[in-house]
Amino acid sequence: MKPPDSPDSWLSWNLGPEATPANIGLDSRVNGNERFVWSTFLPRQVPTKNYRFEETKVRSLALNSQSFFWRGLIVVNPGYRQDTTRTWLNTEAPVVGLDETPDLSPENFRVENGCLITTKSHIFGYGGVLNWPRHLVACPAA
């Protein structure tokens, strides 16, 4: 097994200097200057699927209060929270070359080129505590 990024020489078919992505496979491009040449290939990892670039930001605002009733026997906690979530998701990298390999370079595969998903949620919560009336019923000392 060869280490990654080690070049290798292979005999390959050269289509000539007139070969462009627009005329590959057309008979009009065949002019007799095609030939076998020794080429150097550099193996590299190529993404095929399941690549994604995601950035999520969450902003929360909350308001909570606490109220005491009947000399502290009942404590009530109502609250409200608003969450705003902004998610950028990019799963389509630009393709380059004849083989349409996804370009995952930081310059071209950017999260801003994807979809923006914004969700907002409003949550109301409450809670209560019933305290033992120590002034009415004596508790054992701890």
N, C-alpha and C. Protein backbone atom coordinates (compact mmCIF):
# COMPACT_ATOMS: atom_id res chain seq x y z
N MET A 1 0.84 -1.18 0.00
CA MET A 1 0.00 0.00 0.00
C MET A 1 0.88 1.24 0.00
N LYS A 2 0.61 2.14 -0.92
CA LYS A 2 1.40 3.36 -1.02
C LYS A 2 0.89 4.40 -0.03
N PRO A 3 1.80 5.20 0.50
CA PRO A 3 1.34 6.28 1.37
C PRO A 3 0.58 7.33 0.56
N PRO A 4 -0.34 8.04 1.19
CA PRO A 4 -1.07 9.09 0.45
C PRO A 4 -0.12 10.19 0.00
N ASP A 5 -0.50 10.86 -1.04
CA ASP A 5 0.26 11.97 -1.63
C ASP A 5 1.62 11.54 -2.16
N SER A 6 1.75 10.30 -2.60
CA SER A 6 2.98 9.88 -3.27
C SER A 6 2.66 9.70 -4.75
N PRO A 7 3.34 10.42 -5.63
CA PRO A 7 3.00 10.36 -7.06
C PRO A 7 3.32 8.99 -7.65
N ASP A 8 2.63 8.69 -8.74
CA ASP A 8 2.80 7.42 -9.43
C ASP A 8 2.75 7.69 -10.93
N SER A 9 3.59 7.00 -11.72
CA SER A 9 3.61 7.19 -13.17
C SER A 9 2.84 6.06 -13.85
N TRP A 10 1.99 6.45 -14.82
CA TRP A 10 1.19 5.49 -15.55
C TRP A 10 1.16 5.90 -17.02
N LEU A 11 0.98 4.91 -17.87
CA LEU A 11 0.80 5.16 -19.29
C LEU A 11 -0.66 5.51 -19.52
N SER A 12 -0.91 6.66 -20.11
CA SER A 12 -2.29 7.10 -20.30
C SER A 12 -2.49 7.62 -21.72
N TRP A 13 -3.75 7.74 -22.11
CA TRP A 13 -4.12 8.21 -23.45
C TRP A 13 -4.34 9.71 -23.40
N ASN A 14 -3.56 10.46 -24.18
CA ASN A 14 -3.66 11.92 -24.23
C ASN A 14 -4.55 12.30 -25.41
N LEU A 15 -5.55 13.12 -25.17
CA LEU A 15 -6.50 13.50 -26.22
C LEU A 15 -6.01 14.66 -27.07
N GLY A 16 -4.86 15.21 -26.77
CA GLY A 16 -4.32 16.30 -27.57
C GLY A 16 -4.66 17.65 -26.97
N PRO A 17 -3.98 18.70 -27.46
CA PRO A 17 -4.18 20.04 -26.88
C PRO A 17 -5.54 20.64 -27.18
N GLU A 18 -6.25 20.11 -28.19
CA GLU A 18 -7.55 20.68 -28.54
C GLU A 18 -8.68 20.17 -27.66
N ALA A 19 -8.40 19.18 -26.80
CA ALA A 19 -9.46 18.59 -25.98
C ALA A 19 -9.90 19.57 -24.89
N THR A 20 -11.18 19.83 -24.86
CA THR A 20 -11.78 20.71 -23.85
C THR A 20 -12.99 19.99 -23.28
N PRO A 21 -13.50 20.43 -22.14
CA PRO A 21 -14.73 19.80 -21.62
C PRO A 21 -15.91 19.87 -22.58
N ALA A 22 -15.94 20.88 -23.45
CA ALA A 22 -17.07 21.04 -24.37
C ALA A 22 -17.03 20.02 -25.51
N ASN A 23 -15.83 19.58 -25.95
CA ASN A 23 -15.79 18.69 -27.11
C ASN A 23 -15.36 17.26 -26.78
N ILE A 24 -15.33 16.89 -25.51
CA ILE A 24 -14.98 15.51 -25.15
C ILE A 24 -16.05 14.58 -25.70
N GLY A 25 -15.63 13.52 -26.39
CA GLY A 25 -16.56 12.53 -26.92
C GLY A 25 -17.11 12.85 -28.30
N LEU A 26 -16.78 14.00 -28.87
CA LEU A 26 -17.27 14.36 -30.19
C LEU A 26 -16.27 13.92 -31.26
N ASP A 27 -16.76 13.46 -32.41
CA ASP A 27 -15.86 13.04 -33.49
C ASP A 27 -15.13 14.22 -34.11
N SER A 28 -15.66 15.42 -34.00
CA SER A 28 -15.01 16.58 -34.62
C SER A 28 -13.68 16.92 -33.94
N ARG A 29 -13.46 16.42 -32.74
CA ARG A 29 -12.22 16.71 -32.03
C ARG A 29 -11.09 15.77 -32.45
N VAL A 30 -11.42 14.62 -32.99
CA VAL A 30 -10.41 13.63 -33.37
C VAL A 30 -9.67 14.15 -34.60
N ASN A 31 -8.35 14.43 -34.45
CA ASN A 31 -7.57 14.96 -35.58
C ASN A 31 -6.23 14.25 -35.75
N GLY A 32 -6.00 13.16 -35.05
CA GLY A 32 -4.79 12.38 -35.26
C GLY A 32 -3.64 12.70 -34.33
N ASN A 33 -3.77 13.71 -33.47
CA ASN A 33 -2.65 14.00 -32.57
C ASN A 33 -2.82 13.36 -31.20
N GLU A 34 -3.76 12.41 -31.06
CA GLU A 34 -3.93 11.69 -29.82
C GLU A 34 -2.84 10.63 -29.74
N ARG A 35 -2.35 10.37 -28.51
CA ARG A 35 -1.29 9.38 -28.37
C ARG A 35 -1.17 8.93 -26.92
N PHE A 36 -0.42 7.85 -26.71
CA PHE A 36 -0.11 7.41 -25.35
C PHE A 36 1.05 8.25 -24.80
N VAL A 37 0.94 8.65 -23.54
CA VAL A 37 2.02 9.40 -22.88
C VAL A 37 2.16 8.87 -21.45
N TRP A 38 3.35 9.05 -20.89
CA TRP A 38 3.56 8.73 -19.47
C TRP A 38 3.09 9.93 -18.66
N SER A 39 2.23 9.67 -17.71
CA SER A 39 1.67 10.74 -16.88
C SER A 39 1.94 10.44 -15.42
N THR A 40 2.02 11.49 -14.63
CA THR A 40 2.20 11.36 -13.19
C THR A 40 0.87 11.64 -12.52
N PHE A 41 0.43 10.69 -11.72
CA PHE A 41 -0.83 10.82 -11.00
C PHE A 41 -0.55 10.96 -9.52
N LEU A 42 -1.27 11.82 -8.89
CA LEU A 42 -1.13 12.03 -7.45
C LEU A 42 -2.43 11.59 -6.79
N PRO A 43 -2.41 10.48 -6.04
CA PRO A 43 -3.66 10.06 -5.40
C PRO A 43 -4.06 11.02 -4.29
N ARG A 44 -5.34 11.24 -4.16
CA ARG A 44 -5.86 12.09 -3.09
C ARG A 44 -7.26 11.64 -2.74
N GLN A 45 -7.66 11.99 -1.56
CA GLN A 45 -9.01 11.64 -1.14
C GLN A 45 -10.02 12.52 -1.88
N VAL A 46 -11.08 11.89 -2.34
CA VAL A 46 -12.11 12.60 -3.09
C VAL A 46 -13.44 12.37 -2.39
N PRO A 47 -14.12 13.43 -1.99
CA PRO A 47 -15.43 13.24 -1.35
C PRO A 47 -16.46 12.78 -2.37
N THR A 48 -17.30 11.87 -1.97
CA THR A 48 -18.33 11.39 -2.89
C THR A 48 -19.72 11.77 -2.44
N LYS A 49 -19.99 11.67 -1.14
CA LYS A 49 -21.30 12.05 -0.63
C LYS A 49 -21.19 12.27 0.87
N ASN A 50 -22.28 12.73 1.44
CA ASN A 50 -22.38 12.97 2.89
C ASN A 50 -21.44 14.06 3.39
N TYR A 51 -21.07 14.97 2.55
CA TYR A 51 -20.32 16.11 3.04
C TYR A 51 -21.31 17.23 3.33
N ARG A 52 -21.07 17.94 4.41
CA ARG A 52 -21.97 19.02 4.81
C ARG A 52 -21.19 20.04 5.60
N PHE A 53 -21.68 21.26 5.54
CA PHE A 53 -21.08 22.36 6.26
C PHE A 53 -22.23 23.06 6.98
N GLU A 54 -22.16 23.11 8.30
CA GLU A 54 -23.29 23.62 9.07
C GLU A 54 -22.79 24.57 10.15
N GLU A 55 -23.54 25.63 10.35
CA GLU A 55 -23.24 26.59 11.41
C GLU A 55 -24.56 26.96 12.07
N THR A 56 -24.63 26.81 13.39
CA THR A 56 -25.86 27.07 14.13
C THR A 56 -25.59 28.08 15.23
N LYS A 57 -26.47 29.06 15.33
CA LYS A 57 -26.40 30.06 16.40
C LYS A 57 -27.75 30.09 17.10
N VAL A 58 -27.71 30.05 18.42
CA VAL A 58 -28.94 30.06 19.23
C VAL A 58 -28.90 31.30 20.11
N ARG A 59 -30.01 32.03 20.13
CA ARG A 59 -30.15 33.21 20.99
C ARG A 59 -31.37 33.00 21.86
N SER A 60 -31.20 33.10 23.17
CA SER A 60 -32.29 32.89 24.11
C SER A 60 -32.49 34.12 24.97
N LEU A 61 -33.74 34.49 25.16
CA LEU A 61 -34.11 35.55 26.09
C LEU A 61 -35.09 34.93 27.09
N ALA A 62 -34.86 35.21 28.37
CA ALA A 62 -35.71 34.59 29.39
C ALA A 62 -36.10 35.61 30.44
N LEU A 63 -37.28 35.41 31.00
CA LEU A 63 -37.80 36.22 32.10
C LEU A 63 -38.39 35.26 33.11
N ASN A 64 -37.95 35.36 34.36
CA ASN A 64 -38.42 34.46 35.39
C ASN A 64 -38.74 35.27 36.64
N SER A 65 -39.78 34.89 37.33
CA SER A 65 -40.13 35.59 38.57
C SER A 65 -40.45 34.56 39.66
N GLN A 66 -40.42 35.05 40.88
CA GLN A 66 -40.69 34.18 42.01
C GLN A 66 -41.59 34.94 42.98
N SER A 67 -42.68 34.31 43.38
CA SER A 67 -43.63 34.95 44.29
C SER A 67 -43.87 34.05 45.50
N PHE A 68 -43.96 34.70 46.66
CA PHE A 68 -44.22 33.98 47.91
C PHE A 68 -45.62 34.33 48.39
N PHE A 69 -46.39 33.30 48.81
CA PHE A 69 -47.74 33.51 49.32
C PHE A 69 -47.85 32.86 50.70
N TRP A 70 -48.75 33.44 51.53
CA TRP A 70 -49.07 32.92 52.86
C TRP A 70 -47.83 32.67 53.70
N ARG A 71 -47.08 33.75 53.88
CA ARG A 71 -45.88 33.76 54.72
C ARG A 71 -44.86 32.71 54.28
N GLY A 72 -44.72 32.55 52.97
CA GLY A 72 -43.71 31.65 52.42
C GLY A 72 -44.11 30.20 52.35
N LEU A 73 -45.38 29.88 52.59
CA LEU A 73 -45.80 28.49 52.50
C LEU A 73 -45.87 28.00 51.05
N ILE A 74 -46.25 28.89 50.14
CA ILE A 74 -46.32 28.54 48.72
C ILE A 74 -45.40 29.48 47.96
N VAL A 75 -44.56 28.88 47.12
CA VAL A 75 -43.66 29.64 46.26
C VAL A 75 -44.03 29.29 44.82
N VAL A 76 -44.28 30.32 44.01
CA VAL A 76 -44.67 30.13 42.62
C VAL A 76 -43.60 30.73 41.72
N ASN A 77 -43.21 29.98 40.68
CA ASN A 77 -42.18 30.43 39.74
C ASN A 77 -42.73 30.41 38.31
N PRO A 78 -43.29 31.51 37.80
CA PRO A 78 -43.66 31.55 36.38
C PRO A 78 -42.47 32.10 35.57
N GLY A 79 -42.38 31.65 34.32
CA GLY A 79 -41.29 32.12 33.46
C GLY A 79 -41.66 32.03 32.00
N TYR A 80 -40.93 32.80 31.20
CA TYR A 80 -41.14 32.84 29.75
C TYR A 80 -39.77 32.84 29.09
N ARG A 81 -39.64 32.09 28.00
CA ARG A 81 -38.38 32.05 27.25
C ARG A 81 -38.67 32.08 25.77
N GLN A 82 -37.84 32.83 25.05
CA GLN A 82 -37.94 32.89 23.59
C GLN A 82 -36.59 32.47 23.02
N ASP A 83 -36.59 31.43 22.19
CA ASP A 83 -35.38 30.93 21.54
C ASP A 83 -35.44 31.22 20.05
N THR A 84 -34.36 31.75 19.52
CA THR A 84 -34.23 31.96 18.08
C THR A 84 -33.02 31.17 17.62
N THR A 85 -33.23 30.25 16.67
CA THR A 85 -32.16 29.41 16.15
C THR A 85 -31.97 29.73 14.68
N ARG A 86 -30.72 30.08 14.32
CA ARG A 86 -30.37 30.33 12.91
C ARG A 86 -29.35 29.28 12.50
N THR A 87 -29.71 28.50 11.49
CA THR A 87 -28.84 27.42 11.01
C THR A 87 -28.56 27.62 9.53
N TRP A 88 -27.28 27.72 9.20
CA TRP A 88 -26.85 27.70 7.80
C TRP A 88 -26.44 26.28 7.50
N LEU A 89 -26.94 25.70 6.40
CA LEU A 89 -26.63 24.33 6.03
C LEU A 89 -26.30 24.29 4.54
N ASN A 90 -25.10 23.80 4.23
CA ASN A 90 -24.68 23.67 2.84
C ASN A 90 -24.27 22.22 2.61
N THR A 91 -24.98 21.53 1.73
CA THR A 91 -24.65 20.14 1.39
C THR A 91 -24.28 19.99 -0.08
N GLU A 92 -24.19 21.09 -0.81
CA GLU A 92 -23.87 21.03 -2.23
C GLU A 92 -22.61 21.84 -2.50
N ALA A 93 -21.48 21.16 -2.56
CA ALA A 93 -20.23 21.84 -2.89
C ALA A 93 -20.16 22.05 -4.40
N PRO A 94 -19.50 23.14 -4.85
CA PRO A 94 -19.36 23.31 -6.30
C PRO A 94 -18.48 22.21 -6.88
N VAL A 95 -18.80 21.76 -8.08
CA VAL A 95 -18.03 20.70 -8.72
C VAL A 95 -17.02 21.30 -9.68
N VAL A 96 -15.87 20.64 -9.81
CA VAL A 96 -14.80 21.11 -10.68
C VAL A 96 -14.29 19.95 -11.52
N GLY A 97 -13.76 20.26 -12.67
CA GLY A 97 -13.12 19.28 -13.52
C GLY A 97 -14.08 18.44 -14.34
N LEU A 98 -13.50 17.61 -15.21
CA LEU A 98 -14.30 16.75 -16.07
C LEU A 98 -15.04 15.68 -15.28
N ASP A 99 -14.45 15.23 -14.18
CA ASP A 99 -15.09 14.20 -13.37
C ASP A 99 -16.05 14.79 -12.34
N GLU A 100 -16.23 16.10 -12.33
CA GLU A 100 -17.16 16.81 -11.45
C GLU A 100 -16.95 16.42 -9.99
N THR A 101 -15.71 16.57 -9.53
CA THR A 101 -15.36 16.29 -8.14
C THR A 101 -15.78 17.47 -7.27
N PRO A 102 -16.46 17.23 -6.16
CA PRO A 102 -16.84 18.34 -5.28
C PRO A 102 -15.61 19.06 -4.74
N ASP A 103 -15.63 20.37 -4.81
CA ASP A 103 -14.53 21.20 -4.33
C ASP A 103 -14.83 21.62 -2.90
N LEU A 104 -14.15 21.01 -1.94
CA LEU A 104 -14.39 21.29 -0.53
C LEU A 104 -13.37 22.26 0.04
N SER A 105 -12.72 23.03 -0.81
CA SER A 105 -11.74 24.01 -0.32
C SER A 105 -12.47 25.11 0.45
N PRO A 106 -11.83 25.71 1.45
CA PRO A 106 -12.48 26.77 2.23
C PRO A 106 -12.89 27.99 1.40
N GLU A 107 -12.21 28.21 0.27
CA GLU A 107 -12.55 29.36 -0.57
C GLU A 107 -13.85 29.16 -1.33
N ASN A 108 -14.18 27.91 -1.69
CA ASN A 108 -15.34 27.66 -2.55
C ASN A 108 -16.52 27.01 -1.84
N PHE A 109 -16.25 26.16 -0.85
CA PHE A 109 -17.34 25.50 -0.13
C PHE A 109 -17.60 26.29 1.14
N ARG A 110 -18.54 27.21 1.06
CA ARG A 110 -18.83 28.14 2.15
C ARG A 110 -20.24 27.89 2.68
N VAL A 111 -20.39 28.09 3.97
CA VAL A 111 -21.70 27.86 4.59
C VAL A 111 -22.72 28.89 4.10
N GLU A 112 -22.28 30.09 3.74
CA GLU A 112 -23.21 31.13 3.28
C GLU A 112 -23.85 30.81 1.94
N ASN A 113 -23.31 29.84 1.20
CA ASN A 113 -23.89 29.47 -0.08
C ASN A 113 -25.01 28.43 0.06
N GLY A 114 -25.31 28.04 1.29
CA GLY A 114 -26.35 27.04 1.54
C GLY A 114 -27.68 27.67 1.88
N CYS A 115 -28.46 26.92 2.62
CA CYS A 115 -29.81 27.35 3.02
C CYS A 115 -29.78 27.92 4.43
N LEU A 116 -30.54 28.97 4.65
CA LEU A 116 -30.71 29.55 5.97
C LEU A 116 -32.04 29.08 6.53
N ILE A 117 -31.99 28.45 7.70
CA ILE A 117 -33.20 27.97 8.37
C ILE A 117 -33.29 28.70 9.70
N THR A 118 -34.37 29.45 9.91
CA THR A 118 -34.57 30.19 11.15
C THR A 118 -35.83 29.66 11.84
N THR A 119 -35.68 29.31 13.08
CA THR A 119 -36.83 28.87 13.86
C THR A 119 -36.91 29.69 15.13
N LYS A 120 -38.13 29.97 15.55
CA LYS A 120 -38.37 30.75 16.76
C LYS A 120 -39.37 29.99 17.62
N SER A 121 -39.06 29.85 18.89
CA SER A 121 -39.98 29.13 19.78
C SER A 121 -40.25 29.99 21.02
N HIS A 122 -41.47 29.94 21.48
CA HIS A 122 -41.92 30.66 22.67
C HIS A 122 -42.33 29.63 23.71
N ILE A 123 -41.75 29.70 24.88
CA ILE A 123 -41.99 28.70 25.92
C ILE A 123 -42.43 29.40 27.19
N PHE A 124 -43.55 28.96 27.74
CA PHE A 124 -44.00 29.45 29.04
C PHE A 124 -43.91 28.29 30.02
N GLY A 125 -43.26 28.54 31.14
CA GLY A 125 -43.10 27.50 32.14
C GLY A 125 -43.52 28.01 33.50
N TYR A 126 -43.84 27.09 34.37
CA TYR A 126 -44.25 27.47 35.72
C TYR A 126 -43.90 26.33 36.67
N GLY A 127 -43.83 26.66 37.91
CA GLY A 127 -43.55 25.67 38.93
C GLY A 127 -43.99 26.20 40.28
N GLY A 128 -44.15 25.30 41.21
CA GLY A 128 -44.58 25.70 42.54
C GLY A 128 -43.97 24.81 43.61
N VAL A 129 -43.84 25.38 44.80
CA VAL A 129 -43.29 24.63 45.94
C VAL A 129 -44.21 24.87 47.12
N LEU A 130 -44.56 23.81 47.79
CA LEU A 130 -45.34 23.91 49.01
C LEU A 130 -44.40 23.62 50.17
N ASN A 131 -44.15 24.63 50.99
CA ASN A 131 -43.26 24.48 52.14
C ASN A 131 -44.01 23.95 53.35
N TRP A 132 -43.30 23.27 54.19
CA TRP A 132 -43.86 22.75 55.43
C TRP A 132 -44.08 23.90 56.40
N PRO A 133 -45.26 24.04 56.97
CA PRO A 133 -45.51 25.17 57.87
C PRO A 133 -44.84 24.96 59.22
N ARG A 134 -43.62 25.39 59.34
CA ARG A 134 -42.83 25.16 60.54
C ARG A 134 -43.36 25.94 61.76
N HIS A 135 -44.01 27.04 61.51
CA HIS A 135 -44.54 27.80 62.65
C HIS A 135 -45.82 27.16 63.22
N LEU A 136 -46.47 26.24 62.44
CA LEU A 136 -47.66 25.57 62.93
C LEU A 136 -47.35 24.15 63.45
N VAL A 137 -46.49 23.42 62.76
CA VAL A 137 -46.15 22.04 63.09
C VAL A 137 -44.65 21.99 63.34
N ALA A 138 -44.26 21.56 64.48
CA ALA A 138 -42.84 21.51 64.83
C ALA A 138 -42.17 20.36 64.08
N CYS A 139 -40.99 20.63 63.54
CA CYS A 139 -40.20 19.63 62.84
C CYS A 139 -39.06 19.16 63.75
N PRO A 140 -38.64 17.93 63.62
CA PRO A 140 -37.50 17.49 64.41
C PRO A 140 -36.25 18.25 63.98
N ALA A 141 -35.39 18.50 64.91
CA ALA A 141 -34.15 19.21 64.60
C ALA A 141 -33.25 18.33 63.75
N ALA A 142 -32.61 18.93 62.81
CA ALA A 142 -31.77 18.17 61.92
C ALA A 142 -30.40 17.94 62.51
